[in-house]
Amino acid sequence: MSIQTVNPNTNKTVKSFEEMTEETVDVKVAKAHLAFANSIW
């Protein structure tokens, strides 16, 4: 089941997103954490 962003003015779908599993979210958060930890200030 996809999650949709809808323009409330026109009631048209702006974008659809596929639902993520808990495992997918964990992997994405870990990758983001690693990228942040390796960033140069």
C-alpha atoms as a PDB file:
ATOM      1  CA  MET A   1       0.000   0.000   0.000  1.00  0.00           C
ATOM      2  CA  SER A   2       1.428   3.373  -0.953  1.00  0.00           C
ATOM      3  CA  ILE A   3       1.278   6.583   1.042  1.00  0.00           C
ATOM      4  CA  GLN A   4       0.144   9.587  -0.952  1.00  0.00           C
ATOM      5  CA  THR A   5       0.677  13.310  -0.631  1.00  0.00           C
ATOM      6  CA  VAL A   6      -2.445  15.128  -1.815  1.00  0.00           C
ATOM      7  CA  ASN A   7      -2.837  18.783  -2.713  1.00  0.00           C
ATOM      8  CA  PRO A   8      -5.803  19.864  -0.557  1.00  0.00           C
ATOM      9  CA  ASN A   9      -6.725  22.627  -2.975  1.00  0.00           C
ATOM     10  CA  THR A  10      -7.061  20.422  -6.064  1.00  0.00           C
ATOM     11  CA  ASN A  11      -7.436  17.030  -4.337  1.00  0.00           C
ATOM     12  CA  LYS A  12      -4.860  15.643  -6.785  1.00  0.00           C
ATOM     13  CA  THR A  13      -2.056  13.289  -5.800  1.00  0.00           C
ATOM     14  CA  VAL A  14       1.277  15.123  -5.727  1.00  0.00           C
ATOM     15  CA  LYS A  15       3.499  12.132  -4.985  1.00  0.00           C
ATOM     16  CA  SER A  16       3.219   8.516  -3.856  1.00  0.00           C
ATOM     17  CA  PHE A  17       5.630   6.781  -1.505  1.00  0.00           C
ATOM     18  CA  GLU A  18       5.978   3.069  -0.900  1.00  0.00           C
ATOM     19  CA  GLU A  19       5.582   1.990   2.701  1.00  0.00           C
ATOM     20  CA  MET A  20       8.849   0.868   4.337  1.00  0.00           C
ATOM     21  CA  THR A  21       9.387  -2.048   6.654  1.00  0.00           C
ATOM     22  CA  GLU A  22      10.992  -1.574  10.057  1.00  0.00           C
ATOM     23  CA  GLU A  23      14.151  -3.224   8.710  1.00  0.00           C
ATOM     24  CA  THR A  24      14.344  -0.804   5.774  1.00  0.00           C
ATOM     25  CA  VAL A  25      13.963   2.182   8.099  1.00  0.00           C
ATOM     26  CA  ASP A  26      16.720   0.825  10.365  1.00  0.00           C
ATOM     27  CA  VAL A  27      19.092   0.444   7.399  1.00  0.00           C
ATOM     28  CA  LYS A  28      18.360   3.969   6.126  1.00  0.00           C
ATOM     29  CA  VAL A  29      18.848   5.497   9.584  1.00  0.00           C
ATOM     30  CA  ALA A  30      22.143   3.616  10.025  1.00  0.00           C
ATOM     31  CA  LYS A  31      23.377   4.875   6.647  1.00  0.00           C
ATOM     32  CA  ALA A  32      22.377   8.448   7.494  1.00  0.00           C
ATOM     33  CA  HIS A  33      24.117   8.184  10.870  1.00  0.00           C
ATOM     34  CA  LEU A  34      27.300   6.916   9.205  1.00  0.00           C
ATOM     35  CA  ALA A  35      27.210   9.706   6.601  1.00  0.00           C
ATOM     36  CA  PHE A  36      26.738  12.320   9.327  1.00  0.00           C
ATOM     37  CA  ALA A  37      29.539  10.848  11.450  1.00  0.00           C
ATOM     38  CA  ASN A  38      31.903  10.951   8.446  1.00  0.00           C
ATOM     39  CA  SER A  39      31.009  14.489   7.361  1.00  0.00           C
ATOM     40  CA  ILE A  40      33.621  17.209   7.580  1.00  0.00           C
ATOM     41  CA  TRP A  41      32.707  20.307   9.582  1.00  0.00           C
END
